[in-house]
């Protein structure tokens, strides 16, 4: 059964607020390739003053591909063409390793997609794997193709959306390890838009799911006060 985390936000800021959810960028290993990783808003929720709202986030990950409306950068919109559910690699108690999902990304007649082939799973522990076939790297950049990580958050908008994306290279082998750190920020955001993670995370409230797991809980409450400070409630 997939774990569902609930983040409840008490809006005591004195104003109606819009909230956005985003994650710390995943670790992406691809040999000598070091892609630039862009974070996305993948959940939104609204709360009138003196009310509350919530995000429900499933611990289920997806591989995603699509294209952006322009060169990837802050404020640029993305269009998701497809997603596929993935399982992360894991280490059993007896130290045997279960490989994570492997998907193969191809561009056929200029159309990007995950192929339907049955590929041996090669995802490392806590990661999934995307391999890429031969394609025109210049076209991928020109047409703003991306691949990456998607998550599932119930707020406003689609239930599943991109968390982090990057431009694929041909003949590459990417190990993608999601982070357990999520951030809640307030302001005007659009579903899926690319954000500057470093800048936005400075004034956002951090929720670390690893700490929640260790505490034996899946619920956390954030209080947003009249000084526009967001803090996690001590007893949550």
C-alpha atoms as a PDB file:
ATOM      1  CA  UNK A   1       0.000   0.000   0.000  1.00  0.00           C
ATOM      2  CA  UNK A   2       1.350   3.406  -0.999  1.00  0.00           C
ATOM      3  CA  UNK A   3       2.035   5.797   1.896  1.00  0.00           C
ATOM      4  CA  UNK A   4       0.044   9.060   1.818  1.00  0.00           C
ATOM      5  CA  UNK A   5       1.439  12.118   3.617  1.00  0.00           C
ATOM      6  CA  UNK A   6      -0.801  15.021   4.637  1.00  0.00           C
ATOM      7  CA  UNK A   7       0.512  18.576   5.004  1.00  0.00           C
ATOM      8  CA  UNK A   8      -2.087  20.848   6.638  1.00  0.00           C
ATOM      9  CA  UNK A   9      -1.560  24.619   6.525  1.00  0.00           C
ATOM     10  CA  UNK A  10      -3.273  26.936   9.027  1.00  0.00           C
ATOM     11  CA  UNK A  11      -3.526  30.345   7.398  1.00  0.00           C
ATOM     12  CA  UNK A  12      -3.372  32.863  10.255  1.00  0.00           C
ATOM     13  CA  UNK A  13      -1.517  35.437   8.152  1.00  0.00           C
ATOM     14  CA  UNK A  14      -4.524  37.771   8.004  1.00  0.00           C
ATOM     15  CA  UNK A  15      -4.865  37.489   4.223  1.00  0.00           C
ATOM     16  CA  UNK A  16      -6.125  34.996   1.666  1.00  0.00           C
ATOM     17  CA  UNK A  17      -3.174  32.934   0.482  1.00  0.00           C
ATOM     18  CA  UNK A  18      -2.097  30.718  -2.390  1.00  0.00           C
ATOM     19  CA  UNK A  19       0.358  27.949  -1.546  1.00  0.00           C
ATOM     20  CA  UNK A  20       2.711  25.925  -3.708  1.00  0.00           C
ATOM     21  CA  UNK A  21       4.484  22.633  -3.138  1.00  0.00           C
ATOM     22  CA  UNK A  22       7.880  21.729  -4.591  1.00  0.00           C
ATOM     23  CA  UNK A  23      10.759  19.408  -3.779  1.00  0.00           C
ATOM     24  CA  UNK A  24      14.487  19.462  -3.397  1.00  0.00           C
ATOM     25  CA  UNK A  25      15.926  18.452  -6.800  1.00  0.00           C
ATOM     26  CA  UNK A  26      16.658  14.739  -7.189  1.00  0.00           C
ATOM     27  CA  UNK A  27      20.161  13.391  -7.471  1.00  0.00           C
ATOM     28  CA  UNK A  28      20.831  12.491 -11.096  1.00  0.00           C
ATOM     29  CA  UNK A  29      23.841  10.327 -11.972  1.00  0.00           C
ATOM     30  CA  UNK A  30      24.738   9.745 -15.623  1.00  0.00           C
ATOM     31  CA  UNK A  31      28.433   8.974 -15.862  1.00  0.00           C
ATOM     32  CA  UNK A  32      30.204  12.101 -17.056  1.00  0.00           C
ATOM     33  CA  UNK A  33      26.971  13.896 -17.976  1.00  0.00           C
ATOM     34  CA  UNK A  34      25.882  16.580 -15.498  1.00  0.00           C
ATOM     35  CA  UNK A  35      22.452  17.845 -16.526  1.00  0.00           C
ATOM     36  CA  UNK A  36      21.062  21.137 -15.279  1.00  0.00           C
ATOM     37  CA  UNK A  37      18.053  20.183 -13.157  1.00  0.00           C
ATOM     38  CA  UNK A  38      15.049  22.482 -12.894  1.00  0.00           C
ATOM     39  CA  UNK A  39      12.452  22.282 -10.132  1.00  0.00           C
ATOM     40  CA  UNK A  40       8.718  22.563 -10.817  1.00  0.00           C
ATOM     41  CA  UNK A  41       5.635  23.539  -8.853  1.00  0.00           C
ATOM     42  CA  UNK A  42       3.722  20.268  -8.715  1.00  0.00           C
ATOM     43  CA  UNK A  43       1.015  21.133  -6.213  1.00  0.00           C
ATOM     44  CA  UNK A  44      -1.092  24.217  -5.373  1.00  0.00           C
ATOM     45  CA  UNK A  45      -3.678  24.926  -2.695  1.00  0.00           C
ATOM     46  CA  UNK A  46      -5.616  28.015  -1.557  1.00  0.00           C
ATOM     47  CA  UNK A  47      -6.749  29.137   1.895  1.00  0.00           C
ATOM     48  CA  UNK A  48      -8.830  32.148   2.876  1.00  0.00           C
ATOM     49  CA  UNK A  49      -7.638  34.004   5.978  1.00  0.00           C
ATOM     50  CA  UNK A  50      -8.323  32.153   9.239  1.00  0.00           C
ATOM     51  CA  UNK A  51      -8.923  28.870   7.404  1.00  0.00           C
ATOM     52  CA  UNK A  52      -6.817  25.874   6.512  1.00  0.00           C
ATOM     53  CA  UNK A  53      -5.902  23.866   3.452  1.00  0.00           C
ATOM     54  CA  UNK A  54      -3.899  20.728   2.821  1.00  0.00           C
ATOM     55  CA  UNK A  55      -1.758  18.770   0.418  1.00  0.00           C
ATOM     56  CA  UNK A  56      -1.959  15.001   0.216  1.00  0.00           C
ATOM     57  CA  UNK A  57       1.194  13.508  -1.269  1.00  0.00           C
ATOM     58  CA  UNK A  58       1.582   9.871  -2.196  1.00  0.00           C
ATOM     59  CA  UNK A  59       4.925   8.144  -1.892  1.00  0.00           C
ATOM     60  CA  UNK A  60       4.635   7.030  -5.492  1.00  0.00           C
ATOM     61  CA  UNK A  61       6.942   8.379  -8.160  1.00  0.00           C
ATOM     62  CA  UNK A  62       6.620   8.721 -11.913  1.00  0.00           C
ATOM     63  CA  UNK A  63       8.968   9.267 -14.820  1.00  0.00           C
ATOM     64  CA  UNK A  64       7.858  12.161 -16.990  1.00  0.00           C
ATOM     65  CA  UNK A  65       8.636  13.569 -20.436  1.00  0.00           C
ATOM     66  CA  UNK A  66       7.428  16.549 -22.408  1.00  0.00           C
ATOM     67  CA  UNK A  67       8.534  19.983 -23.562  1.00  0.00           C
ATOM     68  CA  UNK A  68       8.711  23.489 -22.151  1.00  0.00           C
ATOM     69  CA  UNK A  69       7.328  26.687 -23.648  1.00  0.00           C
ATOM     70  CA  UNK A  70      10.831  28.114 -23.949  1.00  0.00           C
ATOM     71  CA  UNK A  71      14.391  27.586 -22.837  1.00  0.00           C
ATOM     72  CA  UNK A  72      14.127  26.125 -19.307  1.00  0.00           C
ATOM     73  CA  UNK A  73      14.287  28.874 -16.708  1.00  0.00           C
ATOM     74  CA  UNK A  74      12.319  30.466 -13.887  1.00  0.00           C
ATOM     75  CA  UNK A  75       8.679  31.106 -14.794  1.00  0.00           C
ATOM     76  CA  UNK A  76       8.716  28.975 -17.951  1.00  0.00           C
ATOM     77  CA  UNK A  77       5.689  26.688 -18.372  1.00  0.00           C
ATOM     78  CA  UNK A  78       5.963  23.011 -19.208  1.00  0.00           C
ATOM     79  CA  UNK A  79       3.699  20.653 -21.129  1.00  0.00           C
ATOM     80  CA  UNK A  80       3.696  17.045 -19.954  1.00  0.00           C
ATOM     81  CA  UNK A  81       3.361  14.579 -22.833  1.00  0.00           C
ATOM     82  CA  UNK A  82       3.387  11.429 -20.730  1.00  0.00           C
ATOM     83  CA  UNK A  83       4.146   9.829 -17.388  1.00  0.00           C
ATOM     84  CA  UNK A  84       4.896   6.280 -16.282  1.00  0.00           C
ATOM     85  CA  UNK A  85       4.748   4.917 -12.770  1.00  0.00           C
ATOM     86  CA  UNK A  86       8.133   3.752 -11.460  1.00  0.00           C
ATOM     87  CA  UNK A  87       9.408   1.771  -8.497  1.00  0.00           C
ATOM     88  CA  UNK A  88      12.624   2.750  -6.750  1.00  0.00           C
ATOM     89  CA  UNK A  89      15.369   0.232  -6.168  1.00  0.00           C
ATOM     90  CA  UNK A  90      15.627  -1.079  -2.626  1.00  0.00           C
ATOM     91  CA  UNK A  91      17.821  -3.144  -0.336  1.00  0.00           C
ATOM     92  CA  UNK A  92      16.158  -6.036   1.466  1.00  0.00           C
ATOM     93  CA  UNK A  93      16.905  -6.927   5.079  1.00  0.00           C
ATOM     94  CA  UNK A  94      19.083  -9.799   3.869  1.00  0.00           C
ATOM     95  CA  UNK A  95      21.119  -7.248   1.843  1.00  0.00           C
ATOM     96  CA  UNK A  96      19.826  -8.501  -1.497  1.00  0.00           C
ATOM     97  CA  UNK A  97      19.075  -5.710  -3.932  1.00  0.00           C
ATOM     98  CA  UNK A  98      15.817  -5.215  -5.821  1.00  0.00           C
ATOM     99  CA  UNK A  99      16.442  -3.091  -8.889  1.00  0.00           C
ATOM    100  CA  UNK A 100      14.300  -0.055  -9.644  1.00  0.00           C
ATOM    101  CA  UNK A 101      12.338   0.514 -12.841  1.00  0.00           C
ATOM    102  CA  UNK A 102      14.160   1.107 -16.119  1.00  0.00           C
ATOM    103  CA  UNK A 103      12.466   3.038 -18.944  1.00  0.00           C
ATOM    104  CA  UNK A 104      13.843   3.845 -22.384  1.00  0.00           C
ATOM    105  CA  UNK A 105      13.299   7.316 -23.889  1.00  0.00           C
ATOM    106  CA  UNK A 106      13.235   7.575 -27.671  1.00  0.00           C
ATOM    107  CA  UNK A 107      12.436  10.219 -30.289  1.00  0.00           C
ATOM    108  CA  UNK A 108      10.568   8.709 -33.264  1.00  0.00           C
ATOM    109  CA  UNK A 109       9.978  10.968 -36.263  1.00  0.00           C
ATOM    110  CA  UNK A 110      10.547  13.950 -34.001  1.00  0.00           C
ATOM    111  CA  UNK A 111       8.098  12.712 -31.368  1.00  0.00           C
ATOM    112  CA  UNK A 112       9.536  11.952 -27.885  1.00  0.00           C
ATOM    113  CA  UNK A 113       8.157   9.009 -25.917  1.00  0.00           C
ATOM    114  CA  UNK A 114       8.944   6.132 -23.596  1.00  0.00           C
ATOM    115  CA  UNK A 115       9.053   2.998 -25.732  1.00  0.00           C
ATOM    116  CA  UNK A 116       6.943  -0.052 -24.965  1.00  0.00           C
ATOM    117  CA  UNK A 117       9.859  -2.465 -24.757  1.00  0.00           C
ATOM    118  CA  UNK A 118      10.423  -4.733 -21.771  1.00  0.00           C
ATOM    119  CA  UNK A 119      13.732  -3.556 -20.320  1.00  0.00           C
ATOM    120  CA  UNK A 120      15.622  -5.266 -17.472  1.00  0.00           C
ATOM    121  CA  UNK A 121      15.291  -3.127 -14.352  1.00  0.00           C
ATOM    122  CA  UNK A 122      18.574  -1.399 -13.485  1.00  0.00           C
ATOM    123  CA  UNK A 123      17.535   1.322 -11.033  1.00  0.00           C
ATOM    124  CA  UNK A 124      19.953   1.630  -8.129  1.00  0.00           C
ATOM    125  CA  UNK A 125      18.887   1.686  -4.472  1.00  0.00           C
ATOM    126  CA  UNK A 126      16.382   4.540  -3.936  1.00  0.00           C
ATOM    127  CA  UNK A 127      16.496   5.377  -7.647  1.00  0.00           C
ATOM    128  CA  UNK A 128      14.884   4.587 -10.983  1.00  0.00           C
ATOM    129  CA  UNK A 129      16.585   4.492 -14.361  1.00  0.00           C
ATOM    130  CA  UNK A 130      15.958   6.228 -17.695  1.00  0.00           C
ATOM    131  CA  UNK A 131      18.074   5.268 -20.697  1.00  0.00           C
ATOM    132  CA  UNK A 132      18.000   7.190 -23.972  1.00  0.00           C
ATOM    133  CA  UNK A 133      18.444   6.074 -27.578  1.00  0.00           C
ATOM    134  CA  UNK A 134      20.173   7.879 -30.406  1.00  0.00           C
ATOM    135  CA  UNK A 135      18.486  11.173 -31.336  1.00  0.00           C
ATOM    136  CA  UNK A 136      19.435  14.663 -32.439  1.00  0.00           C
ATOM    137  CA  UNK A 137      20.679  16.512 -29.342  1.00  0.00           C
ATOM    138  CA  UNK A 138      20.360  19.883 -31.086  1.00  0.00           C
ATOM    139  CA  UNK A 139      16.707  19.176 -31.851  1.00  0.00           C
ATOM    140  CA  UNK A 140      16.068  18.220 -28.221  1.00  0.00           C
ATOM    141  CA  UNK A 141      17.444  21.573 -27.072  1.00  0.00           C
ATOM    142  CA  UNK A 142      15.741  23.554 -29.845  1.00  0.00           C
ATOM    143  CA  UNK A 143      12.340  21.986 -29.132  1.00  0.00           C
ATOM    144  CA  UNK A 144      12.883  22.155 -25.352  1.00  0.00           C
ATOM    145  CA  UNK A 145      12.406  18.423 -24.721  1.00  0.00           C
ATOM    146  CA  UNK A 146      12.677  17.269 -21.131  1.00  0.00           C
ATOM    147  CA  UNK A 147      12.599  14.130 -19.019  1.00  0.00           C
ATOM    148  CA  UNK A 148      12.528  13.867 -15.260  1.00  0.00           C
ATOM    149  CA  UNK A 149      10.663  13.079 -12.079  1.00  0.00           C
ATOM    150  CA  UNK A 150       6.971  13.528 -11.331  1.00  0.00           C
ATOM    151  CA  UNK A 151       5.034  13.142  -8.104  1.00  0.00           C
ATOM    152  CA  UNK A 152       1.424  12.938  -7.001  1.00  0.00           C
ATOM    153  CA  UNK A 153      -0.084  15.715  -4.885  1.00  0.00           C
ATOM    154  CA  UNK A 154      -3.764  16.402  -4.343  1.00  0.00           C
ATOM    155  CA  UNK A 155      -4.393  20.123  -4.118  1.00  0.00           C
ATOM    156  CA  UNK A 156      -5.515  22.196  -7.086  1.00  0.00           C
ATOM    157  CA  UNK A 157      -4.839  21.009 -10.617  1.00  0.00           C
ATOM    158  CA  UNK A 158      -3.624  17.634 -11.883  1.00  0.00           C
ATOM    159  CA  UNK A 159      -3.003  14.897  -9.330  1.00  0.00           C
ATOM    160  CA  UNK A 160       0.376  14.095 -10.866  1.00  0.00           C
ATOM    161  CA  UNK A 161       2.839  16.659 -12.118  1.00  0.00           C
ATOM    162  CA  UNK A 162       6.537  17.221 -12.753  1.00  0.00           C
ATOM    163  CA  UNK A 163       8.779  17.766  -9.726  1.00  0.00           C
ATOM    164  CA  UNK A 164      12.084  18.205 -11.549  1.00  0.00           C
ATOM    165  CA  UNK A 165      13.123  18.100 -15.197  1.00  0.00           C
ATOM    166  CA  UNK A 166      16.234  18.242 -17.371  1.00  0.00           C
ATOM    167  CA  UNK A 167      17.172  18.153 -21.060  1.00  0.00           C
ATOM    168  CA  UNK A 168      18.038  14.596 -22.153  1.00  0.00           C
ATOM    169  CA  UNK A 169      21.208  13.672 -23.996  1.00  0.00           C
ATOM    170  CA  UNK A 170      21.280  10.842 -26.560  1.00  0.00           C
ATOM    171  CA  UNK A 171      22.744   7.452 -25.596  1.00  0.00           C
ATOM    172  CA  UNK A 172      22.674   8.308 -21.896  1.00  0.00           C
ATOM    173  CA  UNK A 173      21.930   6.267 -18.784  1.00  0.00           C
ATOM    174  CA  UNK A 174      20.337   8.284 -15.963  1.00  0.00           C
ATOM    175  CA  UNK A 175      19.911   7.116 -12.364  1.00  0.00           C
ATOM    176  CA  UNK A 176      17.317   9.406 -10.750  1.00  0.00           C
ATOM    177  CA  UNK A 177      17.047   9.440  -6.948  1.00  0.00           C
ATOM    178  CA  UNK A 178      14.141  11.503  -5.540  1.00  0.00           C
ATOM    179  CA  UNK A 179      14.601  13.617  -2.418  1.00  0.00           C
ATOM    180  CA  UNK A 180      12.439  13.234   0.676  1.00  0.00           C
ATOM    181  CA  UNK A 181      12.521  17.002   1.291  1.00  0.00           C
ATOM    182  CA  UNK A 182       9.447  19.003   0.300  1.00  0.00           C
ATOM    183  CA  UNK A 183       8.819  22.741   0.568  1.00  0.00           C
ATOM    184  CA  UNK A 184       5.669  24.812   0.998  1.00  0.00           C
ATOM    185  CA  UNK A 185       5.782  28.435  -0.192  1.00  0.00           C
ATOM    186  CA  UNK A 186       3.133  31.134  -0.588  1.00  0.00           C
ATOM    187  CA  UNK A 187       2.654  33.447  -3.546  1.00  0.00           C
ATOM    188  CA  UNK A 188       1.411  33.356  -7.130  1.00  0.00           C
ATOM    189  CA  UNK A 189       2.452  30.117  -8.783  1.00  0.00           C
ATOM    190  CA  UNK A 190       1.220  28.119 -11.758  1.00  0.00           C
ATOM    191  CA  UNK A 191       0.959  24.351 -11.874  1.00  0.00           C
ATOM    192  CA  UNK A 192       4.096  22.893 -13.447  1.00  0.00           C
ATOM    193  CA  UNK A 193       5.985  26.173 -13.859  1.00  0.00           C
ATOM    194  CA  UNK A 194       9.744  26.080 -13.446  1.00  0.00           C
ATOM    195  CA  UNK A 195      11.063  27.805 -10.334  1.00  0.00           C
ATOM    196  CA  UNK A 196      14.447  28.790  -8.962  1.00  0.00           C
ATOM    197  CA  UNK A 197      14.750  26.184  -6.204  1.00  0.00           C
ATOM    198  CA  UNK A 198      17.614  27.914  -4.379  1.00  0.00           C
ATOM    199  CA  UNK A 199      15.760  31.241  -4.239  1.00  0.00           C
ATOM    200  CA  UNK A 200      12.281  29.890  -3.465  1.00  0.00           C
ATOM    201  CA  UNK A 201      13.403  27.437  -0.782  1.00  0.00           C
ATOM    202  CA  UNK A 202      14.951  30.204   1.350  1.00  0.00           C
ATOM    203  CA  UNK A 203      11.550  31.557   2.436  1.00  0.00           C
ATOM    204  CA  UNK A 204       9.648  28.271   2.265  1.00  0.00           C
ATOM    205  CA  UNK A 205       8.793  25.801   5.015  1.00  0.00           C
ATOM    206  CA  UNK A 206      10.722  22.526   4.823  1.00  0.00           C
ATOM    207  CA  UNK A 207       8.964  19.204   5.425  1.00  0.00           C
ATOM    208  CA  UNK A 208      11.323  16.210   5.521  1.00  0.00           C
ATOM    209  CA  UNK A 209       9.423  12.972   4.953  1.00  0.00           C
ATOM    210  CA  UNK A 210      12.349  10.926   6.256  1.00  0.00           C
ATOM    211  CA  UNK A 211      11.929  12.582   9.654  1.00  0.00           C
ATOM    212  CA  UNK A 212       8.189  11.910   9.541  1.00  0.00           C
ATOM    213  CA  UNK A 213       8.878   8.245   8.818  1.00  0.00           C
ATOM    214  CA  UNK A 214      11.288   8.030  11.760  1.00  0.00           C
ATOM    215  CA  UNK A 215       8.687   9.691  13.999  1.00  0.00           C
ATOM    216  CA  UNK A 216       6.093   7.144  12.901  1.00  0.00           C
ATOM    217  CA  UNK A 217       3.677   9.696  11.446  1.00  0.00           C
ATOM    218  CA  UNK A 218       2.453  10.760   8.025  1.00  0.00           C
ATOM    219  CA  UNK A 219       0.869  14.070   9.088  1.00  0.00           C
ATOM    220  CA  UNK A 220       2.373  17.491   9.618  1.00  0.00           C
ATOM    221  CA  UNK A 221       0.788  20.882  10.391  1.00  0.00           C
ATOM    222  CA  UNK A 222       2.265  24.206   9.257  1.00  0.00           C
ATOM    223  CA  UNK A 223       1.222  27.463  10.935  1.00  0.00           C
ATOM    224  CA  UNK A 224       1.429  30.588   8.768  1.00  0.00           C
ATOM    225  CA  UNK A 225       1.408  33.603  11.108  1.00  0.00           C
ATOM    226  CA  UNK A 226       0.738  37.328  10.719  1.00  0.00           C
ATOM    227  CA  UNK A 227       4.478  37.996  10.259  1.00  0.00           C
ATOM    228  CA  UNK A 228       4.359  35.712   7.202  1.00  0.00           C
ATOM    229  CA  UNK A 229       6.494  33.115   8.928  1.00  0.00           C
ATOM    230  CA  UNK A 230       5.633  29.469   8.365  1.00  0.00           C
ATOM    231  CA  UNK A 231       6.622  26.979  11.046  1.00  0.00           C
ATOM    232  CA  UNK A 232       5.851  23.337  11.697  1.00  0.00           C
ATOM    233  CA  UNK A 233       3.568  22.835  14.679  1.00  0.00           C
ATOM    234  CA  UNK A 234       5.523  21.177  17.475  1.00  0.00           C
ATOM    235  CA  UNK A 235       3.027  18.409  18.169  1.00  0.00           C
ATOM    236  CA  UNK A 236       2.447  17.515  14.516  1.00  0.00           C
END
